[in-house]
N, C-alpha and C. Protein backbone atom coordinates (compact mmCIF):
# COMPACT_ATOMS: atom_id res chain seq x y z
N MET A 1 -27.33 -7.98 17.45
CA MET A 1 -26.44 -8.08 15.89
C MET A 1 -25.06 -7.16 16.23
N LYS A 2 -25.30 -5.84 15.77
CA LYS A 2 -24.27 -5.30 15.89
C LYS A 2 -23.67 -5.36 16.54
N LYS A 3 -23.45 -5.35 18.24
CA LYS A 3 -23.08 -5.88 19.13
C LYS A 3 -21.39 -6.89 18.64
N ILE A 4 -22.68 -7.93 18.39
CA ILE A 4 -22.18 -9.18 18.46
C ILE A 4 -20.76 -8.73 17.44
N ILE A 5 -20.84 -8.38 16.43
CA ILE A 5 -20.11 -7.68 15.08
C ILE A 5 -18.79 -7.03 15.78
N LEU A 6 -20.15 -5.69 16.10
CA LEU A 6 -18.38 -4.77 17.17
C LEU A 6 -17.37 -5.62 17.89
N ILE A 7 -17.75 -6.53 18.69
CA ILE A 7 -16.98 -7.40 19.53
C ILE A 7 -15.95 -8.30 19.15
N LEU A 8 -16.49 -8.75 18.02
CA LEU A 8 -15.71 -9.70 17.25
C LEU A 8 -14.94 -8.53 16.39
N TYR A 9 -15.19 -7.75 16.14
CA TYR A 9 -14.49 -7.08 14.87
C TYR A 9 -12.74 -6.38 15.76
N CYS A 10 -13.14 -6.14 17.09
CA CYS A 10 -12.10 -5.41 17.95
C CYS A 10 -11.52 -6.57 18.29
N SER A 11 -11.72 -7.99 19.16
CA SER A 11 -11.46 -8.83 19.11
C SER A 11 -10.05 -8.99 18.54
N PHE A 12 -10.52 -9.15 16.80
CA PHE A 12 -9.59 -9.43 15.71
C PHE A 12 -8.87 -8.12 15.50
N ILE A 13 -9.13 -6.96 16.48
CA ILE A 13 -7.99 -6.47 15.68
C ILE A 13 -7.02 -6.15 17.22
N ILE A 14 -7.07 -6.32 18.01
CA ILE A 14 -5.97 -6.39 19.84
C ILE A 14 -5.71 -8.04 19.05
N LEU A 15 -5.97 -9.23 18.37
CA LEU A 15 -5.16 -9.99 18.59
C LEU A 15 -4.36 -9.80 17.33
N THR A 16 -4.70 -9.30 16.76
CA THR A 16 -3.85 -9.25 15.58
C THR A 16 -2.04 -8.17 15.83
N VAL A 17 -3.12 -7.44 16.51
CA VAL A 17 -1.63 -6.24 17.04
C VAL A 17 -1.02 -6.95 17.97
N THR A 18 -1.57 -7.47 19.06
CA THR A 18 -0.54 -8.57 19.74
C THR A 18 0.38 -9.12 18.95
N ASN A 19 0.11 -10.25 18.14
CA ASN A 19 0.73 -11.13 17.50
C ASN A 19 1.33 -11.04 16.42
N THR A 20 1.64 -9.54 16.10
CA THR A 20 2.39 -9.01 15.08
C THR A 20 3.46 -8.44 16.03
N GLN A 21 2.96 -7.55 17.38
CA GLN A 21 4.21 -7.50 18.26
C GLN A 21 5.21 -8.06 18.88
N ALA A 22 4.58 -9.60 19.04
CA ALA A 22 4.99 -10.86 19.67
C ALA A 22 6.22 -11.29 17.98
N ALA A 23 5.08 -10.99 17.29
CA ALA A 23 6.45 -11.86 16.03
C ALA A 23 7.49 -10.65 16.22
N SER A 24 7.13 -8.97 15.64
CA SER A 24 8.54 -8.88 15.92
C SER A 24 9.67 -8.45 17.03
N LYS A 25 9.32 -8.76 18.10
CA LYS A 25 9.74 -9.41 19.20
C LYS A 25 10.85 -10.27 19.14
N SER A 26 10.55 -11.21 18.46
CA SER A 26 11.18 -13.15 18.76
C SER A 26 12.25 -13.05 17.95
N PHE A 27 13.00 -13.92 18.47
CA PHE A 27 14.29 -13.99 17.68
C PHE A 27 14.54 -15.46 16.83
N LYS A 28 15.43 -14.94 15.87
CA LYS A 28 15.32 -15.87 15.18
C LYS A 28 17.22 -16.34 15.01
N PRO A 29 17.49 -17.83 14.70
CA PRO A 29 18.99 -18.17 14.45
C PRO A 29 19.17 -17.77 13.05
N TYR A 30 21.05 -16.88 13.12
CA TYR A 30 20.96 -16.78 11.33
C TYR A 30 22.72 -17.24 11.35
N LEU A 31 22.91 -17.72 9.89
CA LEU A 31 24.34 -17.64 10.38
C LEU A 31 24.23 -16.81 8.79
N CYS A 32 25.74 -15.79 8.58
CA CYS A 32 25.98 -14.54 8.01
C CYS A 32 26.98 -14.50 7.22
N ALA A 33 27.63 -14.91 6.29
CA ALA A 33 29.11 -14.70 5.68
C ALA A 33 29.34 -13.81 6.10
N MET A 34 30.53 -14.06 6.23
CA MET A 34 31.11 -12.88 7.29
C MET A 34 31.69 -11.94 6.31
N TYR A 35 32.61 -11.96 5.02
CA TYR A 35 32.64 -11.58 4.16
C TYR A 35 32.35 -10.39 3.91
N PRO A 36 30.76 -10.43 3.34
CA PRO A 36 30.25 -9.51 2.20
C PRO A 36 30.06 -8.97 3.13
N ALA A 37 29.44 -9.21 4.64
CA ALA A 37 28.87 -8.03 6.06
C ALA A 37 29.90 -7.10 6.77
N TYR A 38 31.46 -7.64 6.57
CA TYR A 38 32.21 -6.36 6.75
C TYR A 38 32.74 -6.02 6.84
N GLU A 39 33.41 -6.20 5.02
CA GLU A 39 34.51 -5.48 3.68
C GLU A 39 33.75 -5.48 2.79
N MET A 40 32.24 -5.47 2.48
CA MET A 40 31.14 -4.95 1.50
C MET A 40 30.35 -4.18 1.12
N TYR A 41 29.69 -4.62 2.81
CA TYR A 41 28.31 -4.05 2.79
C TYR A 41 28.56 -3.10 3.84
N LYS A 42 29.47 -3.53 4.82
CA LYS A 42 29.96 -2.63 6.03
C LYS A 42 28.92 -2.70 7.25
N ASP A 43 27.85 -4.21 7.74
CA ASP A 43 26.67 -3.99 8.40
C ASP A 43 27.44 -5.09 9.18
N ASN A 44 28.33 -5.51 9.77
CA ASN A 44 28.66 -6.11 10.53
C ASN A 44 27.89 -7.46 11.00
N CYS A 45 27.23 -7.48 9.78
CA CYS A 45 25.84 -8.46 10.32
C CYS A 45 23.97 -8.29 10.92
N ASN A 46 24.90 -6.91 10.74
CA ASN A 46 23.39 -6.14 11.95
C ASN A 46 22.21 -5.70 11.09
N GLY A 47 22.10 -6.29 9.70
CA GLY A 47 20.98 -6.53 8.78
C GLY A 47 20.37 -7.44 8.87
N SER A 48 19.12 -7.26 8.30
CA SER A 48 18.34 -7.87 8.39
C SER A 48 18.17 -9.34 7.03
N ASN A 49 17.17 -9.94 6.46
CA ASN A 49 16.89 -10.89 6.05
C ASN A 49 18.17 -9.93 4.07
N SER A 50 18.97 -10.81 4.15
CA SER A 50 19.80 -10.86 2.42
C SER A 50 20.34 -11.72 1.95
N TRP A 51 20.98 -11.79 1.00
CA TRP A 51 21.23 -12.89 0.21
C TRP A 51 22.46 -13.64 1.09
N TYR A 52 23.23 -12.46 2.19
CA TYR A 52 24.39 -13.15 3.08
C TYR A 52 24.03 -13.42 4.21
N LYS A 53 22.80 -13.05 4.61
CA LYS A 53 22.25 -13.41 5.79
C LYS A 53 21.34 -14.72 6.12
N ILE A 54 21.32 -15.73 6.16
CA ILE A 54 20.17 -16.62 6.18
C ILE A 54 19.68 -17.14 7.68
N TYR A 55 17.89 -17.17 7.34
CA TYR A 55 17.28 -17.04 8.72
C TYR A 55 16.92 -18.55 9.00
N PHE A 56 17.45 -18.85 10.32
CA PHE A 56 16.67 -20.14 10.04
C PHE A 56 14.90 -20.88 11.27
N PRO A 57 13.89 -21.44 10.77
CA PRO A 57 12.82 -21.06 10.89
C PRO A 57 11.98 -20.90 12.35
N ASP A 58 13.02 -21.18 13.13
CA ASP A 58 12.79 -21.54 14.83
C ASP A 58 12.98 -19.84 15.42
N ILE A 59 11.48 -19.70 16.33
CA ILE A 59 10.76 -18.47 16.97
C ILE A 59 11.30 -18.71 17.94
N TYR A 60 12.39 -18.12 18.95
CA TYR A 60 12.20 -17.94 20.45
C TYR A 60 12.54 -16.54 21.28
N ALA A 61 11.82 -16.87 22.40
CA ALA A 61 11.18 -15.35 23.03
C ALA A 61 13.07 -14.83 23.16
N SER A 62 13.51 -15.11 23.75
CA SER A 62 14.55 -14.32 23.94
C SER A 62 16.24 -14.83 23.96
N LYS A 63 17.01 -13.51 23.20
CA LYS A 63 18.17 -13.80 22.86
C LYS A 63 19.18 -15.41 23.54
N THR A 64 19.02 -15.39 24.98
CA THR A 64 19.19 -16.39 24.88
C THR A 64 19.62 -17.75 24.95
N ALA A 65 18.02 -17.94 24.78
CA ALA A 65 17.24 -19.40 24.53
C ALA A 65 17.22 -19.72 22.98
N CYS A 66 17.65 -18.33 22.66
CA CYS A 66 17.76 -18.49 21.28
C CYS A 66 19.03 -19.55 20.42
N MET A 67 20.03 -18.32 21.46
CA MET A 67 21.69 -18.75 20.75
C MET A 67 21.77 -20.50 21.97
N ARG A 68 21.10 -20.38 23.11
CA ARG A 68 21.48 -21.64 23.81
C ARG A 68 20.57 -23.30 22.61
N GLU A 69 19.34 -22.94 22.24
CA GLU A 69 18.72 -23.91 21.46
C GLU A 69 19.23 -23.90 19.87
N SER A 70 20.44 -23.07 19.70
CA SER A 70 20.24 -23.46 18.02
C SER A 70 22.08 -23.57 18.27
N ASP A 71 22.79 -23.52 19.37
CA ASP A 71 23.82 -23.88 19.38
C ASP A 71 24.10 -25.30 18.57
N LYS A 72 23.32 -27.02 19.03
CA LYS A 72 23.46 -27.99 17.93
C LYS A 72 22.95 -27.69 16.44
N LEU A 73 22.34 -26.85 16.16
CA LEU A 73 22.01 -26.42 14.69
C LEU A 73 23.62 -26.13 14.41
N PHE A 74 24.16 -24.73 14.81
CA PHE A 74 25.28 -24.04 14.50
C PHE A 74 26.86 -24.68 14.18
N ASN A 75 26.35 -26.10 14.84
CA ASN A 75 28.11 -27.31 15.24
C ASN A 75 27.84 -28.19 14.60
N HIS A 76 26.84 -28.61 13.94
CA HIS A 76 26.31 -29.67 13.51
C HIS A 76 27.03 -30.24 12.00
N HIS A 77 27.96 -31.18 11.88
CA HIS A 77 28.77 -30.87 10.96
C HIS A 77 28.52 -30.74 9.58
N VAL A 78 26.85 -30.88 8.98
CA VAL A 78 26.96 -30.72 7.73
C VAL A 78 26.78 -28.98 7.86
N ILE A 79 26.80 -28.20 8.53
CA ILE A 79 26.01 -26.60 8.24
C ILE A 79 27.64 -26.09 8.50
N LEU A 80 28.34 -26.77 9.38
CA LEU A 80 30.29 -26.83 9.26
C LEU A 80 30.82 -26.64 8.33
N GLN A 81 30.08 -28.07 7.36
CA GLN A 81 30.65 -27.94 6.33
C GLN A 81 30.42 -27.08 5.04
N LEU A 82 28.21 -26.75 4.86
CA LEU A 82 28.42 -25.39 3.91
C LEU A 82 28.57 -23.84 4.38
N PHE A 83 28.96 -24.40 5.85
CA PHE A 83 28.78 -22.65 6.21
C PHE A 83 29.98 -23.05 7.46
N PRO A 84 31.36 -23.21 6.86
CA PRO A 84 32.57 -23.12 7.22
C PRO A 84 32.51 -21.64 8.34
N ASP A 85 32.95 -22.09 9.80
CA ASP A 85 33.76 -21.40 10.86
C ASP A 85 35.15 -20.44 10.64
N TYR A 86 34.75 -19.37 10.59
CA TYR A 86 36.11 -18.36 11.25
C TYR A 86 37.05 -19.34 12.12
N LYS A 87 38.19 -19.87 11.96
CA LYS A 87 38.73 -20.29 13.06
C LYS A 87 40.75 -19.80 12.53
N LYS A 88 40.94 -18.99 11.59
CA LYS A 88 42.49 -18.35 11.73
C LYS A 88 42.30 -17.07 10.46
N PRO A 89 43.19 -16.07 10.58
CA PRO A 89 43.32 -15.08 9.64
C PRO A 89 43.22 -15.31 8.46
N GLY A 90 42.72 -14.84 7.01
CA GLY A 90 42.40 -15.48 5.70
C GLY A 90 41.54 -16.33 5.73
N ASP A 91 40.56 -17.16 6.93
CA ASP A 91 39.21 -17.50 6.76
C ASP A 91 37.98 -16.51 6.58
N GLU A 92 38.74 -14.77 6.41
CA GLU A 92 37.60 -14.42 6.49
C GLU A 92 36.71 -14.53 5.07
N ILE A 93 37.04 -15.05 3.93
CA ILE A 93 36.60 -14.69 2.76
C ILE A 93 35.37 -15.68 2.76
N LYS A 94 35.61 -17.11 3.70
CA LYS A 94 34.51 -18.55 2.84
C LYS A 94 33.62 -18.62 4.33
N ALA A 95 33.86 -17.78 5.76
CA ALA A 95 33.35 -17.86 7.27
C ALA A 95 31.72 -17.44 7.40
N TRP A 96 31.51 -17.33 8.50
CA TRP A 96 30.26 -17.13 8.69
C TRP A 96 30.42 -17.42 9.58
N VAL A 97 29.23 -15.77 10.28
CA VAL A 97 29.08 -16.03 11.22
C VAL A 97 27.40 -16.01 12.19
N ALA A 98 27.24 -16.90 13.44
CA ALA A 98 26.40 -17.73 13.88
C ALA A 98 25.83 -16.62 14.50
N GLY A 99 24.37 -16.21 15.01
CA GLY A 99 23.51 -15.59 15.58
C GLY A 99 22.62 -15.41 16.03
N CYS A 100 22.03 -14.91 16.57
CA CYS A 100 20.24 -14.58 16.72
C CYS A 100 19.36 -13.04 16.39
N ASP A 101 18.92 -11.94 16.42
CA ASP A 101 18.05 -11.54 16.39
C ASP A 101 16.68 -11.51 15.60
N THR A 102 16.80 -10.25 16.37
CA THR A 102 14.91 -10.30 16.20
C THR A 102 14.70 -8.93 14.23
N LEU A 103 16.29 -8.71 13.91
CA LEU A 103 15.94 -7.88 12.80
C LEU A 103 15.02 -8.87 11.34
N TRP A 104 14.98 -9.94 11.66
CA TRP A 104 14.31 -11.26 10.45
C TRP A 104 12.74 -10.55 10.02
N TYR A 105 12.37 -10.61 9.13
CA TYR A 105 11.47 -9.91 8.25
C TYR A 105 10.74 -11.48 7.86
N TYR A 106 11.07 -12.22 7.56
CA TYR A 106 10.15 -13.84 7.28
C TYR A 106 11.04 -14.82 7.16
């Protein structure tokens, strides 16, 4: 009986560590407000979750897959109305930057 409990406990630990490592290396798409990130906080959208960096719930194994699959989301007309893209000088205040990274917490 003790051996079964020990085996189950070890299996639980291994699965927990494996899942945590896999999640921490997964890519999520995000939209980041350009002005606060570049001018106020100077992190150039390289920070993690914040009031000016919004992550979407989808998770991908690579940055290439994340960007490819999220392209439709980033270019959807509703998203572009809510989070306008940078088009010309002067748009920094209202522009949002799209991308994918592994810096998300939740």
